Structures are given as C-alpha cells and as structure tokens.
Amino acid sequence: SLLLVSQGVPQTFAPNVVAKTIEGLYQDIAMGPVASLESIKHL
C-alpha cells in the first residue's frame, strides 16, 4: 500500500472531486481508499 501511494495511488475518504476541464466542462473524478484495496487485491 505504501509503495503504491508513493506512485500516486489515492488513499482517502474524501468524496469525488469535480474538476473543470480545459474545454469548460465538468468532470466527476472518483476517489477513495484505493491503495489499501489494490495491495490485497494483488497479494
């Protein structure tokens, strides 16, 4: 998990992030406790 976080995998309980794209549209970016799931998913 720590190795994956070091590579940029999120580990958070914050809600999804709404970002404004360069085209002026809005995109919902999913977040969550990803790294902890990814580690045991593969191990």
Full PDB file with SEQRES, HELIX, SHEET, SSBOND, CRYST1, ORIGX, SCALE, CONECT and MASTER records, all heavy atoms in Angstrom:
SEQRES   1 A   43  SER LEU LEU LEU VAL SER GLN GLY VAL PRO GLN THR PHE          
SEQRES   2 A   43  ALA PRO ASN VAL VAL ALA LYS THR ILE GLU GLY LEU TYR          
SEQRES   3 A   43  GLN ASP ILE ALA MET GLY PRO VAL ALA SER LEU GLU SER          
SEQRES   4 A   43  ILE LYS HIS LEU                                              
HELIX    1 AA1 LEU A    2  SER A    6  1                                   5    
HELIX    2 AA2 VAL A   34  HIS A   42  1                                   9    
SHEET    1 AA1 2 VAL A  17  LYS A  20  0                                        
SHEET    2 AA1 2 TYR A  26  ILE A  29 -1                                        
CRYST1    1.000    1.000    1.000  90.00  90.00  90.00 P 1           1          
ORIGX1      1.000000  0.000000  0.000000        0.00000                         
ORIGX2      0.000000  1.000000  0.000000        0.00000                         
ORIGX3      0.000000  0.000000  1.000000        0.00000                         
SCALE1      1.000000  0.000000  0.000000        0.00000                         
SCALE2      0.000000  1.000000  0.000000        0.00000                         
SCALE3      0.000000  0.000000  1.000000        0.00000                         
ATOM      1  N   SER A   1       0.832  -1.210   0.000  1.00  0.00           N  
ATOM      2  CA  SER A   1       0.000   0.000   0.000  1.00  0.00           C  
ATOM      3  C   SER A   1       0.864   1.255   0.000  1.00  0.00           C  
ATOM      4  O   SER A   1       0.611   2.205  -0.761  1.00  0.00           O  
ATOM      5  CB  SER A   1      -0.930   0.013   1.214  1.00  0.00           C  
ATOM      6  OG  SER A   1      -1.849  -1.044   1.168  1.00  0.00           O  
ATOM      7  N   LEU A   2       1.871   1.280   0.846  1.00  0.00           N  
ATOM      8  CA  LEU A   2       2.759   2.444   0.920  1.00  0.00           C  
ATOM      9  C   LEU A   2       3.524   2.636  -0.388  1.00  0.00           C  
ATOM     10  O   LEU A   2       3.724   3.771  -0.845  1.00  0.00           O  
ATOM     11  CB  LEU A   2       3.733   2.286   2.093  1.00  0.00           C  
ATOM     12  CG  LEU A   2       3.093   2.312   3.491  1.00  0.00           C  
ATOM     13  CD1 LEU A   2       4.129   1.999   4.565  1.00  0.00           C  
ATOM     14  CD2 LEU A   2       2.454   3.673   3.754  1.00  0.00           C  
ATOM     15  N   LEU A   3       3.956   1.534  -0.998  1.00  0.00           N  
ATOM     16  CA  LEU A   3       4.660   1.633  -2.280  1.00  0.00           C  
ATOM     17  C   LEU A   3       3.741   2.197  -3.364  1.00  0.00           C  
ATOM     18  O   LEU A   3       4.161   3.030  -4.180  1.00  0.00           O  
ATOM     19  CB  LEU A   3       5.173   0.252  -2.701  1.00  0.00           C  
ATOM     20  CG  LEU A   3       6.332  -0.331  -1.872  1.00  0.00           C  
ATOM     21  CD1 LEU A   3       6.624  -1.766  -2.297  1.00  0.00           C  
ATOM     22  CD2 LEU A   3       7.583   0.531  -2.018  1.00  0.00           C  
ATOM     23  N   LEU A   4       2.468   1.771  -3.365  1.00  0.00           N  
ATOM     24  CA  LEU A   4       1.529   2.267  -4.366  1.00  0.00           C  
ATOM     25  C   LEU A   4       1.186   3.738  -4.129  1.00  0.00           C  
ATOM     26  O   LEU A   4       1.053   4.515  -5.087  1.00  0.00           O  
ATOM     27  CB  LEU A   4       0.252   1.418  -4.360  1.00  0.00           C  
ATOM     28  CG  LEU A   4       0.402  -0.019  -4.865  1.00  0.00           C  
ATOM     29  CD1 LEU A   4      -0.905  -0.783  -4.736  1.00  0.00           C  
ATOM     30  CD2 LEU A   4       0.870  -0.040  -6.316  1.00  0.00           C  
ATOM     31  N   VAL A   5       1.039   4.129  -2.876  1.00  0.00           N  
ATOM     32  CA  VAL A   5       0.792   5.538  -2.568  1.00  0.00           C  
ATOM     33  C   VAL A   5       1.952   6.399  -3.058  1.00  0.00           C  
ATOM     34  O   VAL A   5       1.759   7.497  -3.590  1.00  0.00           O  
ATOM     35  CB  VAL A   5       0.562   5.729  -1.056  1.00  0.00           C  
ATOM     36  CG1 VAL A   5       0.591   7.214  -0.680  1.00  0.00           C  
ATOM     37  CG2 VAL A   5      -0.774   5.123  -0.630  1.00  0.00           C  
ATOM     38  N   SER A   6       3.177   5.881  -2.926  1.00  0.00           N  
ATOM     39  CA  SER A   6       4.347   6.630  -3.398  1.00  0.00           C  
ATOM     40  C   SER A   6       4.317   6.849  -4.909  1.00  0.00           C  
ATOM     41  O   SER A   6       4.939   7.779  -5.420  1.00  0.00           O  
ATOM     42  CB  SER A   6       5.632   5.888  -3.009  1.00  0.00           C  
ATOM     43  OG  SER A   6       5.832   4.738  -3.828  1.00  0.00           O  
ATOM     44  N   GLN A   7       3.577   5.997  -5.627  1.00  0.00           N  
ATOM     45  CA  GLN A   7       3.473   6.124  -7.083  1.00  0.00           C  
ATOM     46  C   GLN A   7       2.258   6.944  -7.521  1.00  0.00           C  
ATOM     47  O   GLN A   7       2.056   7.151  -8.710  1.00  0.00           O  
ATOM     48  CB  GLN A   7       3.405   4.729  -7.718  1.00  0.00           C  
ATOM     49  CG  GLN A   7       4.665   3.915  -7.559  1.00  0.00           C  
ATOM     50  CD  GLN A   7       5.862   4.609  -8.184  1.00  0.00           C  
ATOM     51  OE1 GLN A   7       5.857   4.949  -9.364  1.00  0.00           O  
ATOM     52  NE2 GLN A   7       6.895   4.838  -7.382  1.00  0.00           N  
ATOM     53  N   GLY A   8       1.448   7.380  -6.539  1.00  0.00           N  
ATOM     54  CA  GLY A   8       0.318   8.242  -6.877  1.00  0.00           C  
ATOM     55  C   GLY A   8      -1.045   7.610  -6.744  1.00  0.00           C  
ATOM     56  O   GLY A   8      -2.046   8.206  -7.159  1.00  0.00           O  
ATOM     57  N   VAL A   9      -1.140   6.414  -6.170  1.00  0.00           N  
ATOM     58  CA  VAL A   9      -2.445   5.774  -5.963  1.00  0.00           C  
ATOM     59  C   VAL A   9      -3.122   6.423  -4.758  1.00  0.00           C  
ATOM     60  O   VAL A   9      -2.513   6.519  -3.693  1.00  0.00           O  
ATOM     61  CB  VAL A   9      -2.287   4.255  -5.742  1.00  0.00           C  
ATOM     62  CG1 VAL A   9      -3.643   3.600  -5.488  1.00  0.00           C  
ATOM     63  CG2 VAL A   9      -1.601   3.613  -6.937  1.00  0.00           C  
ATOM     64  N   PRO A  10      -4.380   6.885  -4.880  1.00  0.00           N  
ATOM     65  CA  PRO A  10      -5.048   7.582  -3.763  1.00  0.00           C  
ATOM     66  C   PRO A  10      -5.357   6.656  -2.590  1.00  0.00           C  
ATOM     67  O   PRO A  10      -5.566   5.462  -2.766  1.00  0.00           O  
ATOM     68  CB  PRO A  10      -6.350   8.092  -4.390  1.00  0.00           C  
ATOM     69  CG  PRO A  10      -6.230   7.880  -5.858  1.00  0.00           C  
ATOM     70  CD  PRO A  10      -5.219   6.811  -6.074  1.00  0.00           C  
ATOM     71  N   GLN A  11      -5.399   7.257  -1.402  1.00  0.00           N  
ATOM     72  CA  GLN A  11      -5.863   6.572  -0.202  1.00  0.00           C  
ATOM     73  C   GLN A  11      -6.549   7.632   0.650  1.00  0.00           C  
ATOM     74  O   GLN A  11      -5.923   8.320   1.448  1.00  0.00           O  
ATOM     75  CB  GLN A  11      -4.689   5.922   0.559  1.00  0.00           C  
ATOM     76  CG  GLN A  11      -5.087   5.177   1.823  1.00  0.00           C  
ATOM     77  CD  GLN A  11      -5.906   3.926   1.551  1.00  0.00           C  
ATOM     78  OE1 GLN A  11      -5.893   3.405   0.436  1.00  0.00           O  
ATOM     79  NE2 GLN A  11      -6.631   3.447   2.543  1.00  0.00           N  
ATOM     80  N   THR A  12      -7.853   7.798   0.446  1.00  0.00           N  
ATOM     81  CA  THR A  12      -8.580   8.889   1.083  1.00  0.00           C  
ATOM     82  C   THR A  12     -10.042   8.498   1.275  1.00  0.00           C  
ATOM     83  O   THR A  12     -10.545   7.604   0.593  1.00  0.00           O  
ATOM     84  CB  THR A  12      -8.503  10.163   0.223  1.00  0.00           C  
ATOM     85  OG1 THR A  12      -9.270  11.199   0.832  1.00  0.00           O  
ATOM     86  CG2 THR A  12      -9.044   9.917  -1.183  1.00  0.00           C  
ATOM     87  N   PHE A  13     -10.710   9.189   2.222  1.00  0.00           N  
ATOM     88  CA  PHE A  13     -12.150   9.014   2.419  1.00  0.00           C  
ATOM     89  C   PHE A  13     -12.917  10.243   1.933  1.00  0.00           C  
ATOM     90  O   PHE A  13     -14.107  10.379   2.197  1.00  0.00           O  
ATOM     91  CB  PHE A  13     -12.463   8.753   3.891  1.00  0.00           C  
ATOM     92  CG  PHE A  13     -11.957   7.421   4.377  1.00  0.00           C  
ATOM     93  CD1 PHE A  13     -10.928   7.344   5.289  1.00  0.00           C  
ATOM     94  CD2 PHE A  13     -12.501   6.240   3.900  1.00  0.00           C  
ATOM     95  CE1 PHE A  13     -10.449   6.122   5.726  1.00  0.00           C  
ATOM     96  CE2 PHE A  13     -12.030   5.007   4.329  1.00  0.00           C  
ATOM     97  CZ  PHE A  13     -10.998   4.944   5.248  1.00  0.00           C  
ATOM     98  N   ALA A  14     -12.233  11.134   1.222  1.00  0.00           N  
ATOM     99  CA  ALA A  14     -12.884  12.324   0.680  1.00  0.00           C  
ATOM    100  C   ALA A  14     -13.829  11.939  -0.448  1.00  0.00           C  
ATOM    101  O   ALA A  14     -13.610  10.940  -1.136  1.00  0.00           O  
ATOM    102  CB  ALA A  14     -11.827  13.305   0.176  1.00  0.00           C  
ATOM    103  N   PRO A  15     -14.885  12.725  -0.659  1.00  0.00           N  
ATOM    104  CA  PRO A  15     -15.809  12.422  -1.762  1.00  0.00           C  
ATOM    105  C   PRO A  15     -15.161  12.681  -3.116  1.00  0.00           C  
ATOM    106  O   PRO A  15     -14.045  13.209  -3.204  1.00  0.00           O  
ATOM    107  CB  PRO A  15     -16.972  13.382  -1.511  1.00  0.00           C  
ATOM    108  CG  PRO A  15     -16.381  14.509  -0.726  1.00  0.00           C  
ATOM    109  CD  PRO A  15     -15.312  13.890   0.128  1.00  0.00           C  
ATOM    110  N   ASN A  16     -15.876  12.310  -4.173  1.00  0.00           N  
ATOM    111  CA  ASN A  16     -15.374  12.539  -5.521  1.00  0.00           C  
ATOM    112  C   ASN A  16     -15.072  14.016  -5.762  1.00  0.00           C  
ATOM    113  O   ASN A  16     -15.733  14.896  -5.196  1.00  0.00           O  
ATOM    114  CB  ASN A  16     -16.393  12.064  -6.565  1.00  0.00           C  
ATOM    115  CG  ASN A  16     -16.564  10.558  -6.551  1.00  0.00           C  
ATOM    116  OD1 ASN A  16     -15.869   9.847  -5.833  1.00  0.00           O  
ATOM    117  ND2 ASN A  16     -17.494  10.059  -7.352  1.00  0.00           N  
ATOM    118  N   VAL A  17     -14.090  14.271  -6.606  1.00  0.00           N  
ATOM    119  CA  VAL A  17     -13.683  15.637  -6.919  1.00  0.00           C  
ATOM    120  C   VAL A  17     -14.313  16.044  -8.250  1.00  0.00           C  
ATOM    121  O   VAL A  17     -14.233  15.295  -9.233  1.00  0.00           O  
ATOM    122  CB  VAL A  17     -12.147  15.746  -6.999  1.00  0.00           C  
ATOM    123  CG1 VAL A  17     -11.728  17.134  -7.458  1.00  0.00           C  
ATOM    124  CG2 VAL A  17     -11.526  15.404  -5.658  1.00  0.00           C  
ATOM    125  N   VAL A  18     -14.924  17.213  -8.287  1.00  0.00           N  
ATOM    126  CA  VAL A  18     -15.482  17.751  -9.526  1.00  0.00           C  
ATOM    127  C   VAL A  18     -14.485  18.749 -10.098  1.00  0.00           C  
ATOM    128  O   VAL A  18     -14.168  19.759  -9.456  1.00  0.00           O  
ATOM    129  CB  VAL A  18     -16.852  18.412  -9.305  1.00  0.00           C  
ATOM    130  CG1 VAL A  18     -17.385  18.982 -10.620  1.00  0.00           C  
ATOM    131  CG2 VAL A  18     -17.832  17.415  -8.718  1.00  0.00           C  
ATOM    132  N   ALA A  19     -13.958  18.461 -11.275  1.00  0.00           N  
ATOM    133  CA  ALA A  19     -12.934  19.299 -11.889  1.00  0.00           C  
ATOM    134  C   ALA A  19     -13.469  19.941 -13.169  1.00  0.00           C  
ATOM    135  O   ALA A  19     -14.246  19.327 -13.904  1.00  0.00           O  
ATOM    136  CB  ALA A  19     -11.692  18.472 -12.199  1.00  0.00           C  
ATOM    137  N   LYS A  20     -13.034  21.189 -13.410  1.00  0.00           N  
ATOM    138  CA  LYS A  20     -13.393  21.880 -14.646  1.00  0.00           C  
ATOM    139  C   LYS A  20     -12.310  21.614 -15.677  1.00  0.00           C  
ATOM    140  O   LYS A  20     -11.139  21.880 -15.451  1.00  0.00           O  
ATOM    141  CB  LYS A  20     -13.533  23.377 -14.389  1.00  0.00           C  
ATOM    142  CG  LYS A  20     -14.069  24.142 -15.593  1.00  0.00           C  
ATOM    143  CD  LYS A  20     -14.315  25.600 -15.252  1.00  0.00           C  
ATOM    144  CE  LYS A  20     -14.909  26.342 -16.449  1.00  0.00           C  
ATOM    145  NZ  LYS A  20     -15.186  27.767 -16.133  1.00  0.00           N  
ATOM    146  N   THR A  21     -12.685  21.079 -16.819  1.00  0.00           N  
ATOM    147  CA  THR A  21     -11.707  20.714 -17.839  1.00  0.00           C  
ATOM    148  C   THR A  21     -11.311  21.940 -18.659  1.00  0.00           C  
ATOM    149  O   THR A  21     -11.932  23.012 -18.562  1.00  0.00           O  
ATOM    150  CB  THR A  21     -12.285  19.648 -18.787  1.00  0.00           C  
ATOM    151  OG1 THR A  21     -13.331  20.232 -19.563  1.00  0.00           O  
ATOM    152  CG2 THR A  21     -12.849  18.473 -17.998  1.00  0.00           C  
ATOM    153  N   ILE A  22     -10.281  21.807 -19.492  1.00  0.00           N  
ATOM    154  CA  ILE A  22      -9.818  22.916 -20.318  1.00  0.00           C  
ATOM    155  C   ILE A  22     -10.846  23.283 -21.390  1.00  0.00           C  
ATOM    156  O   ILE A  22     -10.763  24.347 -21.998  1.00  0.00           O  
ATOM    157  CB  ILE A  22      -8.456  22.586 -20.986  1.00  0.00           C  
ATOM    158  CG1 ILE A  22      -8.571  21.323 -21.847  1.00  0.00           C  
ATOM    159  CG2 ILE A  22      -7.366  22.442 -19.940  1.00  0.00           C  
ATOM    160  CD1 ILE A  22      -7.295  21.010 -22.620  1.00  0.00           C  
ATOM    161  N   GLU A  23     -11.824  22.387 -21.616  1.00  0.00           N  
ATOM    162  CA  GLU A  23     -12.884  22.671 -22.576  1.00  0.00           C  
ATOM    163  C   GLU A  23     -14.062  23.395 -21.935  1.00  0.00           C  
ATOM    164  O   GLU A  23     -15.056  23.691 -22.595  1.00  0.00           O  
ATOM    165  CB  GLU A  23     -13.373  21.368 -23.213  1.00  0.00           C  
ATOM    166  CG  GLU A  23     -12.307  20.649 -24.031  1.00  0.00           C  
ATOM    167  CD  GLU A  23     -12.773  19.292 -24.508  1.00  0.00           C  
ATOM    168  OE1 GLU A  23     -13.619  18.690 -23.805  1.00  0.00           O  
ATOM    169  OE2 GLU A  23     -12.316  18.835 -25.554  1.00  0.00           O  
ATOM    170  N   GLY A  24     -13.945  23.663 -20.612  1.00  0.00           N  
ATOM    171  CA  GLY A  24     -15.009  24.361 -19.913  1.00  0.00           C  
ATOM    172  C   GLY A  24     -16.109  23.470 -19.389  1.00  0.00           C  
ATOM    173  O   GLY A  24     -17.119  23.956 -18.879  1.00  0.00           O  
ATOM    174  N   LEU A  25     -15.937  22.148 -19.504  1.00  0.00           N  
ATOM    175  CA  LEU A  25     -16.913  21.201 -18.991  1.00  0.00           C  
ATOM    176  C   LEU A  25     -16.501  20.720 -17.603  1.00  0.00           C  
ATOM    177  O   LEU A  25     -15.400  21.014 -17.134  1.00  0.00           O  
ATOM    178  CB  LEU A  25     -17.045  20.011 -19.944  1.00  0.00           C  
ATOM    179  CG  LEU A  25     -17.433  20.356 -21.389  1.00  0.00           C  
ATOM    180  CD1 LEU A  25     -17.413  19.112 -22.245  1.00  0.00           C  
ATOM    181  CD2 LEU A  25     -18.800  21.032 -21.445  1.00  0.00           C  
ATOM    182  N   TYR A  26     -17.390  19.980 -16.952  1.00  0.00           N  
ATOM    183  CA  TYR A  26     -17.107  19.493 -15.604  1.00  0.00           C  
ATOM    184  C   TYR A  26     -17.021  17.968 -15.607  1.00  0.00           C  
ATOM    185  O   TYR A  26     -17.825  17.285 -16.237  1.00  0.00           O  
ATOM    186  CB  TYR A  26     -18.186  19.966 -14.630  1.00  0.00           C  
ATOM    187  CG  TYR A  26     -18.122  21.454 -14.382  1.00  0.00           C  
ATOM    188  CD1 TYR A  26     -18.871  22.335 -15.165  1.00  0.00           C  
ATOM    189  CD2 TYR A  26     -17.294  21.985 -13.399  1.00  0.00           C  
ATOM    190  CE1 TYR A  26     -18.811  23.705 -14.961  1.00  0.00           C  
ATOM    191  CE2 TYR A  26     -17.228  23.350 -13.184  1.00  0.00           C  
ATOM    192  CZ  TYR A  26     -17.975  24.206 -13.974  1.00  0.00           C  
ATOM    193  OH  TYR A  26     -17.891  25.554 -13.773  1.00  0.00           O  
ATOM    194  N   GLN A  27     -16.015  17.459 -14.895  1.00  0.00           N  
ATOM    195  CA  GLN A  27     -15.781  16.013 -14.844  1.00  0.00           C  
ATOM    196  C   GLN A  27     -15.753  15.547 -13.397  1.00  0.00           C  
ATOM    197  O   GLN A  27     -15.097  16.170 -12.540  1.00  0.00           O  
ATOM    198  CB  GLN A  27     -14.458  15.660 -15.527  1.00  0.00           C  
ATOM    199  CG  GLN A  27     -14.141  14.167 -15.516  1.00  0.00           C  
ATOM    200  CD  GLN A  27     -12.847  13.845 -16.214  1.00  0.00           C  
ATOM    201  OE1 GLN A  27     -12.241  14.715 -16.839  1.00  0.00           O  
ATOM    202  NE2 GLN A  27     -12.398  12.611 -16.118  1.00  0.00           N  
ATOM    203  N   ASP A  28     -16.467  14.473 -13.117  1.00  0.00           N  
ATOM    204  CA  ASP A  28     -16.503  13.888 -11.775  1.00  0.00           C  
ATOM    205  C   ASP A  28     -15.374  12.871 -11.659  1.00  0.00           C  
ATOM    206  O   ASP A  28     -15.382  11.847 -12.346  1.00  0.00           O  
ATOM    207  CB  ASP A  28     -17.853  13.212 -11.544  1.00  0.00           C  
ATOM    208  CG  ASP A  28     -18.073  12.851 -10.086  1.00  0.00           C  
ATOM    209  OD1 ASP A  28     -17.820  13.695  -9.220  1.00  0.00           O  
ATOM    210  OD2 ASP A  28     -18.501  11.707  -9.824  1.00  0.00           O  
ATOM    211  N   ILE A  29     -14.388  13.142 -10.804  1.00  0.00           N  
ATOM    212  CA  ILE A  29     -13.221  12.263 -10.650  1.00  0.00           C  
ATOM    213  C   ILE A  29     -13.395  11.426  -9.386  1.00  0.00           C  
ATOM    214  O   ILE A  29     -13.447  11.960  -8.270  1.00  0.00           O  
ATOM    215  CB  ILE A  29     -11.909  13.068 -10.584  1.00  0.00           C  
ATOM    216  CG1 ILE A  29     -11.750  13.892 -11.877  1.00  0.00           C  
ATOM    217  CG2 ILE A  29     -10.718  12.151 -10.385  1.00  0.00           C  
ATOM    218  CD1 ILE A  29     -10.552  14.803 -11.874  1.00  0.00           C  
ATOM    219  N   ALA A  30     -13.496  10.120  -9.554  1.00  0.00           N  
ATOM    220  CA  ALA A  30     -13.708   9.215  -8.423  1.00  0.00           C  
ATOM    221  C   ALA A  30     -12.452   9.112  -7.571  1.00  0.00           C  
ATOM    222  O   ALA A  30     -11.336   9.039  -8.080  1.00  0.00           O  
ATOM    223  CB  ALA A  30     -14.120   7.841  -8.935  1.00  0.00           C  
ATOM    224  N   MET A  31     -12.651   9.093  -6.256  1.00  0.00           N  
ATOM    225  CA  MET A  31     -11.551   8.948  -5.298  1.00  0.00           C  
ATOM    226  C   MET A  31     -11.891   7.790  -4.353  1.00  0.00           C  
ATOM    227  O   MET A  31     -12.800   7.014  -4.612  1.00  0.00           O  
ATOM    228  CB  MET A  31     -11.377  10.254  -4.518  1.00  0.00           C  
ATOM    229  CG  MET A  31     -11.150  11.484  -5.381  1.00  0.00           C  
ATOM    230  SD  MET A  31      -9.541  11.482  -6.182  1.00  0.00           S  
ATOM    231  CE  MET A  31      -8.514  11.938  -4.801  1.00  0.00           C  
ATOM    232  N   GLY A  32     -11.162   7.698  -3.243  1.00  0.00           N  
ATOM    233  CA  GLY A  32     -11.479   6.687  -2.246  1.00  0.00           C  
ATOM    234  C   GLY A  32     -10.261   5.980  -1.692  1.00  0.00           C  
ATOM    235  O   GLY A  32      -9.117   6.284  -2.068  1.00  0.00           O  
ATOM    236  N   PRO A  33     -10.462   5.000  -0.793  1.00  0.00           N  
ATOM    237  CA  PRO A  33      -9.351   4.219  -0.217  1.00  0.00           C  
ATOM    238  C   PRO A  33      -8.872   3.166  -1.215  1.00  0.00           C  
ATOM    239  O   PRO A  33      -9.131   1.972  -1.075  1.00  0.00           O  
ATOM    240  CB  PRO A  33      -9.982   3.584   1.027  1.00  0.00           C  
ATOM    241  CG  PRO A  33     -11.431   3.464   0.692  1.00  0.00           C  
ATOM    242  CD  PRO A  33     -11.766   4.634  -0.194  1.00  0.00           C  
ATOM    243  N   VAL A  34      -8.163   3.607  -2.235  1.00  0.00           N  
ATOM    244  CA  VAL A  34      -7.801   2.745  -3.363  1.00  0.00           C  
ATOM    245  C   VAL A  34      -6.576   1.880  -3.057  1.00  0.00           C  
ATOM    246  O   VAL A  34      -6.562   0.683  -3.328  1.00  0.00           O  
ATOM    247  CB  VAL A  34      -7.547   3.589  -4.633  1.00  0.00           C  
ATOM    248  CG1 VAL A  34      -7.238   2.689  -5.823  1.00  0.00           C  
ATOM    249  CG2 VAL A  34      -8.744   4.483  -4.937  1.00  0.00           C  
ATOM    250  N   ALA A  35      -5.523   2.498  -2.501  1.00  0.00           N  
ATOM    251  CA  ALA A  35      -4.250   1.786  -2.320  1.00  0.00           C  
ATOM    252  C   ALA A  35      -4.402   0.565  -1.418  1.00  0.00           C  
ATOM    253  O   ALA A  35      -3.817  -0.494  -1.690  1.00  0.00           O  
ATOM    254  CB  ALA A  35      -3.193   2.730  -1.751  1.00  0.00           C  
ATOM    255  N   SER A  36      -5.187   0.683  -0.348  1.00  0.00           N  
ATOM    256  CA  SER A  36      -5.355  -0.452   0.577  1.00  0.00           C  
ATOM    257  C   SER A  36      -6.061  -1.609  -0.105  1.00  0.00           C  
ATOM    258  O   SER A  36      -5.754  -2.776   0.162  1.00  0.00           O  
ATOM    259  CB  SER A  36      -6.134  -0.004   1.822  1.00  0.00           C  
ATOM    260  OG  SER A  36      -7.389   0.549   1.452  1.00  0.00           O  
ATOM    261  N   LEU A  37      -7.008  -1.292  -0.988  1.00  0.00           N  
ATOM    262  CA  LEU A  37      -7.689  -2.356  -1.726  1.00  0.00           C  
ATOM    263  C   LEU A  37      -6.771  -2.963  -2.779  1.00  0.00           C  
ATOM    264  O   LEU A  37      -6.733  -4.186  -2.959  1.00  0.00           O  
ATOM    265  CB  LEU A  37      -8.964  -1.803  -2.371  1.00  0.00           C  
ATOM    266  CG  LEU A  37      -9.884  -2.791  -3.097  1.00  0.00           C  
ATOM    267  CD1 LEU A  37     -11.339  -2.365  -2.963  1.00  0.00           C  
ATOM    268  CD2 LEU A  37      -9.540  -2.930  -4.576  1.00  0.00           C  
ATOM    269  N   GLU A  38      -6.016  -2.113  -3.472  1.00  0.00           N  
ATOM    270  CA  GLU A  38      -5.140  -2.599  -4.534  1.00  0.00           C  
ATOM    271  C   GLU A  38      -4.067  -3.557  -4.007  1.00  0.00           C  
ATOM    272  O   GLU A  38      -3.693  -4.514  -4.679  1.00  0.00           O  
ATOM    273  CB  GLU A  38      -4.465  -1.419  -5.239  1.00  0.00           C  
ATOM    274  CG  GLU A  38      -5.378  -0.618  -6.125  1.00  0.00           C  
ATOM    275  CD  GLU A  38      -5.961  -1.444  -7.242  1.00  0.00           C  
ATOM    276  OE1 GLU A  38      -5.192  -1.975  -8.068  1.00  0.00           O  
ATOM    277  OE2 GLU A  38      -7.196  -1.572  -7.282  1.00  0.00           O  
ATOM    278  N   SER A  39      -3.563  -3.279  -2.823  1.00  0.00           N  
ATOM    279  CA  SER A  39      -2.481  -4.113  -2.292  1.00  0.00           C  
ATOM    280  C   SER A  39      -2.949  -5.539  -2.051  1.00  0.00           C  
ATOM    281  O   SER A  39      -2.325  -6.500  -2.523  1.00  0.00           O  
ATOM    282  CB  SER A  39      -1.935  -3.499  -0.995  1.00  0.00           C  
ATOM    283  OG  SER A  39      -2.950  -3.410  -0.010  1.00  0.00           O  
ATOM    284  N   ILE A  40      -4.063  -5.714  -1.342  1.00  0.00           N  
ATOM    285  CA  ILE A  40      -4.532  -7.073  -1.055  1.00  0.00           C  
ATOM    286  C   ILE A  40      -5.192  -7.688  -2.278  1.00  0.00           C  
ATOM    287  O   ILE A  40      -5.223  -8.911  -2.434  1.00  0.00           O  
ATOM    288  CB  ILE A  40      -5.512  -7.067   0.151  1.00  0.00           C  
ATOM    289  CG1 ILE A  40      -5.839  -8.498   0.585  1.00  0.00           C  
ATOM    290  CG2 ILE A  40      -6.775  -6.294  -0.169  1.00  0.00           C  
ATOM    291  CD1 ILE A  40      -4.626  -9.329   0.979  1.00  0.00           C  
ATOM    292  N   LYS A  41      -5.688  -6.838  -3.182  1.00  0.00           N  
ATOM    293  CA  LYS A  41      -6.240  -7.340  -4.442  1.00  0.00           C  
ATOM    294  C   LYS A  41      -5.217  -8.177  -5.190  1.00  0.00           C  
ATOM    295  O   LYS A  41      -5.546  -9.228  -5.753  1.00  0.00           O  
ATOM    296  CB  LYS A  41      -6.691  -6.154  -5.290  1.00  0.00           C  
ATOM    297  CG  LYS A  41      -6.722  -6.361  -6.799  1.00  0.00           C  
ATOM    298  CD  LYS A  41      -7.058  -5.049  -7.496  1.00  0.00           C  
ATOM    299  CE  LYS A  41      -6.753  -5.096  -8.976  1.00  0.00           C  
ATOM    300  NZ  LYS A  41      -7.102  -3.839  -9.663  1.00  0.00           N  
ATOM    301  N   HIS A  42      -3.973  -7.742  -5.187  1.00  0.00           N  
ATOM    302  CA  HIS A  42      -2.936  -8.468  -5.917  1.00  0.00           C  
ATOM    303  C   HIS A  42      -2.237  -9.500  -5.038  1.00  0.00           C  
ATOM    304  O   HIS A  42      -1.958 -10.613  -5.486  1.00  0.00           O  
ATOM    305  CB  HIS A  42      -1.926  -7.480  -6.491  1.00  0.00           C  
ATOM    306  CG  HIS A  42      -2.496  -6.636  -7.589  1.00  0.00           C  
ATOM    307  ND1 HIS A  42      -2.809  -5.307  -7.429  1.00  0.00           N  
ATOM    308  CD2 HIS A  42      -2.860  -6.946  -8.861  1.00  0.00           C  
ATOM    309  CE1 HIS A  42      -3.313  -4.829  -8.558  1.00  0.00           C  
ATOM    310  NE2 HIS A  42      -3.356  -5.802  -9.434  1.00  0.00           N  
ATOM    311  N   LEU A  43      -1.951  -9.167  -3.789  1.00  0.00           N  
ATOM    312  CA  LEU A  43      -1.287 -10.135  -2.903  1.00  0.00           C  
ATOM    313  C   LEU A  43      -2.147 -11.375  -2.680  1.00  0.00           C  
ATOM    314  O   LEU A  43      -1.645 -12.492  -2.600  1.00  0.00           O  
ATOM    315  CB  LEU A  43      -0.968  -9.474  -1.564  1.00  0.00           C  
ATOM    316  CG  LEU A  43       0.204  -8.502  -1.544  1.00  0.00           C  
ATOM    317  CD1 LEU A  43       0.194  -7.695  -0.258  1.00  0.00           C  
ATOM    318  CD2 LEU A  43       1.530  -9.239  -1.701  1.00  0.00           C  
TER     319      LEU A  43                                                      
MASTER        0    0    0    2    2    0    0    6  318    1    0    4          
END                                                                             
